[in-house]
Amino acid sequence: MQCVDILVYIVIEQVLAKQNYTDYIDGKPLTMDDAVGAHVDAWSEGGKTTVDNLVVTSSYHNSKMGSLNVEAYKELIKKDS
């Protein structure tokens, strides 16, 4: 694992712990095996990979979210359930 990958892993683990090991999107239990950092302020728009700019979700939700804002996707999921 490269140094940058290790740092990203550590940041994701810290955020997941702050979320009580639950998925930010649906509140279900989440482990590091399926955890993905989702930027609040999009990385593609200059958002940083920091504890303050990440929430953690499952790889499923991250792939379904596409370019949607995290909060917009979360609201969409609530409407569909």
PDB file of N, CA and C in Angstrom:
ATOM      1  N   MET A   1       0.854  -1.175   0.000  1.00  0.00           N
ATOM      2  CA  MET A   1       0.000   0.000   0.000  1.00  0.00           C
ATOM      3  C   MET A   1       0.904   1.244   0.000  1.00  0.00           C
ATOM      4  N   GLN A   2       0.563   2.216  -0.812  1.00  0.00           N
ATOM      5  CA  GLN A   2       1.346   3.442  -0.879  1.00  0.00           C
ATOM      6  C   GLN A   2       0.992   4.348   0.298  1.00  0.00           C
ATOM      7  N   CYS A   3       1.874   5.268   0.610  1.00  0.00           N
ATOM      8  CA  CYS A   3       1.698   6.188   1.724  1.00  0.00           C
ATOM      9  C   CYS A   3       0.373   6.948   1.629  1.00  0.00           C
ATOM     10  N   VAL A   4       0.037   7.454   0.444  1.00  0.00           N
ATOM     11  CA  VAL A   4      -1.214   8.201   0.259  1.00  0.00           C
ATOM     12  C   VAL A   4      -2.410   7.296   0.531  1.00  0.00           C
ATOM     13  N   ASP A   5      -2.361   6.053   0.051  1.00  0.00           N
ATOM     14  CA  ASP A   5      -3.452   5.108   0.285  1.00  0.00           C
ATOM     15  C   ASP A   5      -3.631   4.843   1.777  1.00  0.00           C
ATOM     16  N   ILE A   6      -2.535   4.731   2.499  1.00  0.00           N
ATOM     17  CA  ILE A   6      -2.597   4.493   3.941  1.00  0.00           C
ATOM     18  C   ILE A   6      -3.232   5.686   4.646  1.00  0.00           C
ATOM     19  N   LEU A   7      -2.862   6.886   4.233  1.00  0.00           N
ATOM     20  CA  LEU A   7      -3.435   8.089   4.851  1.00  0.00           C
ATOM     21  C   LEU A   7      -4.932   8.196   4.583  1.00  0.00           C
ATOM     22  N   VAL A   8      -5.345   7.898   3.356  1.00  0.00           N
ATOM     23  CA  VAL A   8      -6.772   7.930   3.021  1.00  0.00           C
ATOM     24  C   VAL A   8      -7.517   6.879   3.843  1.00  0.00           C
ATOM     25  N   TYR A   9      -6.947   5.696   3.979  1.00  0.00           N
ATOM     26  CA  TYR A   9      -7.545   4.623   4.779  1.00  0.00           C
ATOM     27  C   TYR A   9      -7.747   5.084   6.217  1.00  0.00           C
ATOM     28  N   ILE A  10      -6.728   5.725   6.775  1.00  0.00           N
ATOM     29  CA  ILE A  10      -6.801   6.204   8.155  1.00  0.00           C
ATOM     30  C   ILE A  10      -7.897   7.255   8.308  1.00  0.00           C
ATOM     31  N   VAL A  11      -7.979   8.184   7.353  1.00  0.00           N
ATOM     32  CA  VAL A  11      -9.005   9.228   7.411  1.00  0.00           C
ATOM     33  C   VAL A  11     -10.398   8.600   7.326  1.00  0.00           C
ATOM     34  N   ILE A  12     -10.594   7.659   6.407  1.00  0.00           N
ATOM     35  CA  ILE A  12     -11.894   6.986   6.273  1.00  0.00           C
ATOM     36  C   ILE A  12     -12.241   6.255   7.564  1.00  0.00           C
ATOM     37  N   GLU A  13     -11.267   5.586   8.155  1.00  0.00           N
ATOM     38  CA  GLU A  13     -11.515   4.864   9.404  1.00  0.00           C
ATOM     39  C   GLU A  13     -11.900   5.830  10.535  1.00  0.00           C
ATOM     40  N   GLN A  14     -11.260   6.986  10.599  1.00  0.00           N
ATOM     41  CA  GLN A  14     -11.599   7.982  11.622  1.00  0.00           C
ATOM     42  C   GLN A  14     -13.032   8.487  11.447  1.00  0.00           C
ATOM     43  N   VAL A  15     -13.401   8.776  10.205  1.00  0.00           N
ATOM     44  CA  VAL A  15     -14.748   9.278   9.941  1.00  0.00           C
ATOM     45  C   VAL A  15     -15.786   8.186  10.223  1.00  0.00           C
ATOM     46  N   LEU A  16     -15.497   6.966   9.830  1.00  0.00           N
ATOM     47  CA  LEU A  16     -16.419   5.861  10.092  1.00  0.00           C
ATOM     48  C   LEU A  16     -16.623   5.682  11.593  1.00  0.00           C
ATOM     49  N   ALA A  17     -15.575   5.814  12.368  1.00  0.00           N
ATOM     50  CA  ALA A  17     -15.691   5.722  13.831  1.00  0.00           C
ATOM     51  C   ALA A  17     -16.576   6.848  14.366  1.00  0.00           C
ATOM     52  N   LYS A  18     -16.423   8.070  13.826  1.00  0.00           N
ATOM     53  CA  LYS A  18     -17.266   9.200  14.233  1.00  0.00           C
ATOM     54  C   LYS A  18     -18.735   8.926  13.907  1.00  0.00           C
ATOM     55  N   GLN A  19     -18.977   8.166  12.854  1.00  0.00           N
ATOM     56  CA  GLN A  19     -20.342   7.805  12.440  1.00  0.00           C
ATOM     57  C   GLN A  19     -20.834   6.550  13.161  1.00  0.00           C
ATOM     58  N   ASN A  20     -20.094   6.106  14.167  1.00  0.00           N
ATOM     59  CA  ASN A  20     -20.457   4.897  14.923  1.00  0.00           C
ATOM     60  C   ASN A  20     -20.569   3.666  14.037  1.00  0.00           C
ATOM     61  N   TYR A  21     -19.689   3.589  13.060  1.00  0.00           N
ATOM     62  CA  TYR A  21     -19.617   2.445  12.139  1.00  0.00           C
ATOM     63  C   TYR A  21     -20.947   2.171  11.440  1.00  0.00           C
ATOM     64  N   THR A  22     -21.596   3.280  11.025  1.00  0.00           N
ATOM     65  CA  THR A  22     -22.821   3.167  10.239  1.00  0.00           C
ATOM     66  C   THR A  22     -22.661   3.951   8.944  1.00  0.00           C
ATOM     67  N   ASP A  23     -23.383   3.517   7.944  1.00  0.00           N
ATOM     68  CA  ASP A  23     -23.380   4.160   6.630  1.00  0.00           C
ATOM     69  C   ASP A  23     -24.054   5.531   6.741  1.00  0.00           C
ATOM     70  N   TYR A  24     -23.407   6.566   6.269  1.00  0.00           N
ATOM     71  CA  TYR A  24     -23.958   7.922   6.330  1.00  0.00           C
ATOM     72  C   TYR A  24     -25.280   8.028   5.570  1.00  0.00           C
ATOM     73  N   ILE A  25     -25.414   7.288   4.499  1.00  0.00           N
ATOM     74  CA  ILE A  25     -26.603   7.384   3.649  1.00  0.00           C
ATOM     75  C   ILE A  25     -27.811   6.684   4.261  1.00  0.00           C
ATOM     76  N   ASP A  26     -27.664   5.431   4.667  1.00  0.00           N
ATOM     77  CA  ASP A  26     -28.836   4.671   5.106  1.00  0.00           C
ATOM     78  C   ASP A  26     -28.819   4.264   6.580  1.00  0.00           C
ATOM     79  N   GLY A  27     -27.740   4.578   7.293  1.00  0.00           N
ATOM     80  CA  GLY A  27     -27.673   4.286   8.723  1.00  0.00           C
ATOM     81  C   GLY A  27     -27.425   2.832   9.082  1.00  0.00           C
ATOM     82  N   LYS A  28     -27.214   1.992   8.082  1.00  0.00           N
ATOM     83  CA  LYS A  28     -26.968   0.573   8.349  1.00  0.00           C
ATOM     84  C   LYS A  28     -25.525   0.368   8.814  1.00  0.00           C
ATOM     85  N   PRO A  29     -25.275  -0.721   9.560  1.00  0.00           N
ATOM     86  CA  PRO A  29     -23.903  -1.008   9.994  1.00  0.00           C
ATOM     87  C   PRO A  29     -22.958  -1.101   8.792  1.00  0.00           C
ATOM     88  N   LEU A  30     -21.742  -0.623   8.994  1.00  0.00           N
ATOM     89  CA  LEU A  30     -20.761  -0.592   7.906  1.00  0.00           C
ATOM     90  C   LEU A  30     -19.383  -0.918   8.456  1.00  0.00           C
ATOM     91  N   THR A  31     -18.665  -1.776   7.746  1.00  0.00           N
ATOM     92  CA  THR A  31     -17.296  -2.111   8.135  1.00  0.00           C
ATOM     93  C   THR A  31     -16.320  -1.488   7.144  1.00  0.00           C
ATOM     94  N   MET A  32     -15.073  -1.465   7.517  1.00  0.00           N
ATOM     95  CA  MET A  32     -14.050  -0.909   6.638  1.00  0.00           C
ATOM     96  C   MET A  32     -13.928  -1.698   5.337  1.00  0.00           C
ATOM     97  N   ASP A  33     -14.331  -2.950   5.340  1.00  0.00           N
ATOM     98  CA  ASP A  33     -14.246  -3.767   4.124  1.00  0.00           C
ATOM     99  C   ASP A  33     -15.088  -3.203   2.987  1.00  0.00           C
ATOM    100  N   ASP A  34     -16.186  -2.509   3.324  1.00  0.00           N
ATOM    101  CA  ASP A  34     -17.081  -1.975   2.298  1.00  0.00           C
ATOM    102  C   ASP A  34     -17.196  -0.452   2.374  1.00  0.00           C
ATOM    103  N   ALA A  35     -16.367   0.172   3.189  1.00  0.00           N
ATOM    104  CA  ALA A  35     -16.450   1.618   3.414  1.00  0.00           C
ATOM    105  C   ALA A  35     -15.718   2.404   2.321  1.00  0.00           C
ATOM    106  N   VAL A  36     -16.371   3.489   1.898  1.00  0.00           N
ATOM    107  CA  VAL A  36     -15.802   4.385   0.891  1.00  0.00           C
ATOM    108  C   VAL A  36     -16.026   5.815   1.369  1.00  0.00           C
ATOM    109  N   GLY A  37     -15.002   6.633   1.249  1.00  0.00           N
ATOM    110  CA  GLY A  37     -15.157   8.037   1.608  1.00  0.00           C
ATOM    111  C   GLY A  37     -15.898   8.788   0.511  1.00  0.00           C
ATOM    112  N   ALA A  38     -16.879   9.560   0.921  1.00  0.00           N
ATOM    113  CA  ALA A  38     -17.624  10.393  -0.023  1.00  0.00           C
ATOM    114  C   ALA A  38     -17.382  11.845   0.378  1.00  0.00           C
ATOM    115  N   HIS A  39     -16.872  12.620  -0.552  1.00  0.00           N
ATOM    116  CA  HIS A  39     -16.574  14.020  -0.266  1.00  0.00           C
ATOM    117  C   HIS A  39     -17.855  14.843  -0.151  1.00  0.00           C
ATOM    118  N   VAL A  40     -17.921  15.682   0.883  1.00  0.00           N
ATOM    119  CA  VAL A  40     -19.037  16.611   1.034  1.00  0.00           C
ATOM    120  C   VAL A  40     -18.908  17.686  -0.043  1.00  0.00           C
ATOM    121  N   ASP A  41     -17.750  18.313  -0.100  1.00  0.00           N
ATOM    122  CA  ASP A  41     -17.411  19.216  -1.199  1.00  0.00           C
ATOM    123  C   ASP A  41     -16.626  18.379  -2.199  1.00  0.00           C
ATOM    124  N   ALA A  42     -17.163  18.196  -3.376  1.00  0.00           N
ATOM    125  CA  ALA A  42     -16.617  17.257  -4.362  1.00  0.00           C
ATOM    126  C   ALA A  42     -15.123  17.438  -4.598  1.00  0.00           C
ATOM    127  N   TRP A  43     -14.433  16.315  -4.633  1.00  0.00           N
ATOM    128  CA  TRP A  43     -13.005  16.303  -4.912  1.00  0.00           C
ATOM    129  C   TRP A  43     -12.751  16.917  -6.290  1.00  0.00           C
ATOM    130  N   SER A  44     -13.636  16.628  -7.241  1.00  0.00           N
ATOM    131  CA  SER A  44     -13.478  17.139  -8.606  1.00  0.00           C
ATOM    132  C   SER A  44     -13.602  18.658  -8.669  1.00  0.00           C
ATOM    133  N   GLU A  45     -14.160  19.241  -7.599  1.00  0.00           N
ATOM    134  CA  GLU A  45     -14.304  20.693  -7.547  1.00  0.00           C
ATOM    135  C   GLU A  45     -13.383  21.315  -6.494  1.00  0.00           C
ATOM    136  N   GLY A  46     -12.337  20.579  -6.134  1.00  0.00           N
ATOM    137  CA  GLY A  46     -11.340  21.102  -5.209  1.00  0.00           C
ATOM    138  C   GLY A  46     -11.518  20.710  -3.757  1.00  0.00           C
ATOM    139  N   GLY A  47     -12.534  19.906  -3.469  1.00  0.00           N
ATOM    140  CA  GLY A  47     -12.727  19.443  -2.093  1.00  0.00           C
ATOM    141  C   GLY A  47     -11.571  18.573  -1.650  1.00  0.00           C
ATOM    142  N   LYS A  48     -11.158  18.740  -0.423  1.00  0.00           N
ATOM    143  CA  LYS A  48     -10.010  18.000   0.118  1.00  0.00           C
ATOM    144  C   LYS A  48     -10.447  16.693   0.770  1.00  0.00           C
ATOM    145  N   THR A  49      -9.525  15.749   0.825  1.00  0.00           N
ATOM    146  CA  THR A  49      -9.767  14.493   1.520  1.00  0.00           C
ATOM    147  C   THR A  49      -9.332  14.695   2.966  1.00  0.00           C
ATOM    148  N   THR A  50     -10.252  15.239   3.761  1.00  0.00           N
ATOM    149  CA  THR A  50      -9.997  15.506   5.170  1.00  0.00           C
ATOM    150  C   THR A  50     -11.167  14.980   5.990  1.00  0.00           C
ATOM    151  N   VAL A  51     -10.938  14.821   7.286  1.00  0.00           N
ATOM    152  CA  VAL A  51     -11.986  14.346   8.180  1.00  0.00           C
ATOM    153  C   VAL A  51     -13.213  15.250   8.103  1.00  0.00           C
ATOM    154  N   ASP A  52     -12.990  16.556   7.964  1.00  0.00           N
ATOM    155  CA  ASP A  52     -14.104  17.504   7.937  1.00  0.00           C
ATOM    156  C   ASP A  52     -14.863  17.530   6.609  1.00  0.00           C
ATOM    157  N   ASN A  53     -14.281  16.969   5.564  1.00  0.00           N
ATOM    158  CA  ASN A  53     -14.921  17.011   4.244  1.00  0.00           C
ATOM    159  C   ASN A  53     -15.347  15.632   3.751  1.00  0.00           C
ATOM    160  N   LEU A  54     -15.369  14.656   4.634  1.00  0.00           N
ATOM    161  CA  LEU A  54     -15.767  13.305   4.228  1.00  0.00           C
ATOM    162  C   LEU A  54     -16.902  12.778   5.080  1.00  0.00           C
ATOM    163  N   VAL A  55     -17.737  11.984   4.456  1.00  0.00           N
ATOM    164  CA  VAL A  55     -18.651  11.087   5.142  1.00  0.00           C
ATOM    165  C   VAL A  55     -18.321   9.707   4.574  1.00  0.00           C
ATOM    166  N   VAL A  56     -18.741   8.680   5.274  1.00  0.00           N
ATOM    167  CA  VAL A  56     -18.419   7.331   4.811  1.00  0.00           C
ATOM    168  C   VAL A  56     -19.711   6.603   4.482  1.00  0.00           C
ATOM    169  N   THR A  57     -19.691   5.976   3.328  1.00  0.00           N
ATOM    170  CA  THR A  57     -20.836   5.216   2.850  1.00  0.00           C
ATOM    171  C   THR A  57     -20.336   3.895   2.270  1.00  0.00           C
ATOM    172  N   SER A  58     -21.253   3.066   1.855  1.00  0.00           N
ATOM    173  CA  SER A  58     -20.889   1.779   1.255  1.00  0.00           C
ATOM    174  C   SER A  58     -20.456   1.989  -0.194  1.00  0.00           C
ATOM    175  N   SER A  59     -19.735   1.028  -0.704  1.00  0.00           N
ATOM    176  CA  SER A  59     -19.331   1.108  -2.110  1.00  0.00           C
ATOM    177  C   SER A  59     -20.566   1.110  -3.011  1.00  0.00           C
ATOM    178  N   TYR A  60     -21.636   0.429  -2.583  1.00  0.00           N
ATOM    179  CA  TYR A  60     -22.886   0.413  -3.363  1.00  0.00           C
ATOM    180  C   TYR A  60     -23.424   1.839  -3.526  1.00  0.00           C
ATOM    181  N   HIS A  61     -23.616   2.535  -2.414  1.00  0.00           N
ATOM    182  CA  HIS A  61     -24.164   3.889  -2.485  1.00  0.00           C
ATOM    183  C   HIS A  61     -23.213   4.829  -3.218  1.00  0.00           C
ATOM    184  N   ASN A  62     -21.931   4.669  -2.990  1.00  0.00           N
ATOM    185  CA  ASN A  62     -20.968   5.542  -3.655  1.00  0.00           C
ATOM    186  C   ASN A  62     -21.055   5.399  -5.175  1.00  0.00           C
ATOM    187  N   SER A  63     -21.220   4.174  -5.648  1.00  0.00           N
ATOM    188  CA  SER A  63     -21.313   3.973  -7.101  1.00  0.00           C
ATOM    189  C   SER A  63     -22.644   4.483  -7.652  1.00  0.00           C
ATOM    190  N   LYS A  64     -23.724   4.337  -6.887  1.00  0.00           N
ATOM    191  CA  LYS A  64     -25.034   4.807  -7.327  1.00  0.00           C
ATOM    192  C   LYS A  64     -25.141   6.333  -7.294  1.00  0.00           C
ATOM    193  N   MET A  65     -24.398   6.961  -6.402  1.00  0.00           N
ATOM    194  CA  MET A  65     -24.450   8.405  -6.222  1.00  0.00           C
ATOM    195  C   MET A  65     -23.967   9.163  -7.448  1.00  0.00           C
ATOM    196  N   GLY A  66     -23.016   8.590  -8.150  1.00  0.00           N
ATOM    197  CA  GLY A  66     -22.468   9.254  -9.332  1.00  0.00           C
ATOM    198  C   GLY A  66     -21.950  10.636  -8.986  1.00  0.00           C
ATOM    199  N   SER A  67     -22.396  11.644  -9.698  1.00  0.00           N
ATOM    200  CA  SER A  67     -21.910  13.004  -9.456  1.00  0.00           C
ATOM    201  C   SER A  67     -22.832  13.804  -8.538  1.00  0.00           C
ATOM    202  N   LEU A  68     -23.857  13.147  -7.990  1.00  0.00           N
ATOM    203  CA  LEU A  68     -24.766  13.837  -7.068  1.00  0.00           C
ATOM    204  C   LEU A  68     -24.038  14.244  -5.801  1.00  0.00           C
ATOM    205  N   ASN A  69     -24.448  15.343  -5.225  1.00  0.00           N
ATOM    206  CA  ASN A  69     -23.998  15.766  -3.914  1.00  0.00           C
ATOM    207  C   ASN A  69     -24.454  14.717  -2.894  1.00  0.00           C
ATOM    208  N   VAL A  70     -23.660  14.487  -1.863  1.00  0.00           N
ATOM    209  CA  VAL A  70     -23.977  13.477  -0.854  1.00  0.00           C
ATOM    210  C   VAL A  70     -25.358  13.721  -0.243  1.00  0.00           C
ATOM    211  N   GLU A  71     -25.637  14.967   0.105  1.00  0.00           N
ATOM    212  CA  GLU A  71     -26.922  15.281   0.740  1.00  0.00           C
ATOM    213  C   GLU A  71     -28.090  15.091  -0.235  1.00  0.00           C
ATOM    214  N   ALA A  72     -27.903  15.451  -1.495  1.00  0.00           N
ATOM    215  CA  ALA A  72     -28.953  15.265  -2.498  1.00  0.00           C
ATOM    216  C   ALA A  72     -29.239  13.779  -2.692  1.00  0.00           C
ATOM    217  N   TYR A  73     -28.184  12.972  -2.737  1.00  0.00           N
ATOM    218  CA  TYR A  73     -28.375  11.526  -2.886  1.00  0.00           C
ATOM    219  C   TYR A  73     -29.084  10.945  -1.665  1.00  0.00           C
ATOM    220  N   LYS A  74     -28.705  11.393  -0.479  1.00  0.00           N
ATOM    221  CA  LYS A  74     -29.330  10.901   0.748  1.00  0.00           C
ATOM    222  C   LYS A  74     -30.823  11.215   0.748  1.00  0.00           C
ATOM    223  N   GLU A  75     -31.193  12.400   0.314  1.00  0.00           N
ATOM    224  CA  GLU A  75     -32.609  12.773   0.227  1.00  0.00           C
ATOM    225  C   GLU A  75     -33.340  11.919  -0.815  1.00  0.00           C
ATOM    226  N   LEU A  76     -32.693  11.646  -1.931  1.00  0.00           N
ATOM    227  CA  LEU A  76     -33.275  10.806  -2.967  1.00  0.00           C
ATOM    228  C   LEU A  76     -33.563   9.405  -2.437  1.00  0.00           C
ATOM    229  N   ILE A  77     -32.630   8.870  -1.683  1.00  0.00           N
ATOM    230  CA  ILE A  77     -32.798   7.535  -1.094  1.00  0.00           C
ATOM    231  C   ILE A  77     -33.970   7.532  -0.112  1.00  0.00           C
ATOM    232  N   LYS A  78     -34.094   8.597   0.700  1.00  0.00           N
ATOM    233  CA  LYS A  78     -35.213   8.682   1.659  1.00  0.00           C
ATOM    234  C   LYS A  78     -36.544   8.679   0.933  1.00  0.00           C
ATOM    235  N   LYS A  79     -36.631   9.402  -0.189  1.00  0.00           N
ATOM    236  CA  LYS A  79     -37.882   9.486  -0.942  1.00  0.00           C
ATOM    237  C   LYS A  79     -38.258   8.136  -1.547  1.00  0.00           C
ATOM    238  N   ASP A  80     -37.243   7.346  -1.948  1.00  0.00           N
ATOM    239  CA  ASP A  80     -37.496   6.069  -2.581  1.00  0.00           C
ATOM    240  C   ASP A  80     -37.847   4.957  -1.586  1.00  0.00           C
ATOM    241  N   SER A  81     -37.600   5.201  -0.303  1.00  0.00           N
ATOM    242  CA  SER A  81     -37.861   4.123   0.669  1.00  0.00           C
ATOM    243  C   SER A  81     -39.175   4.265   1.371  1.00  0.00           C
TER     244      SER A  81
END
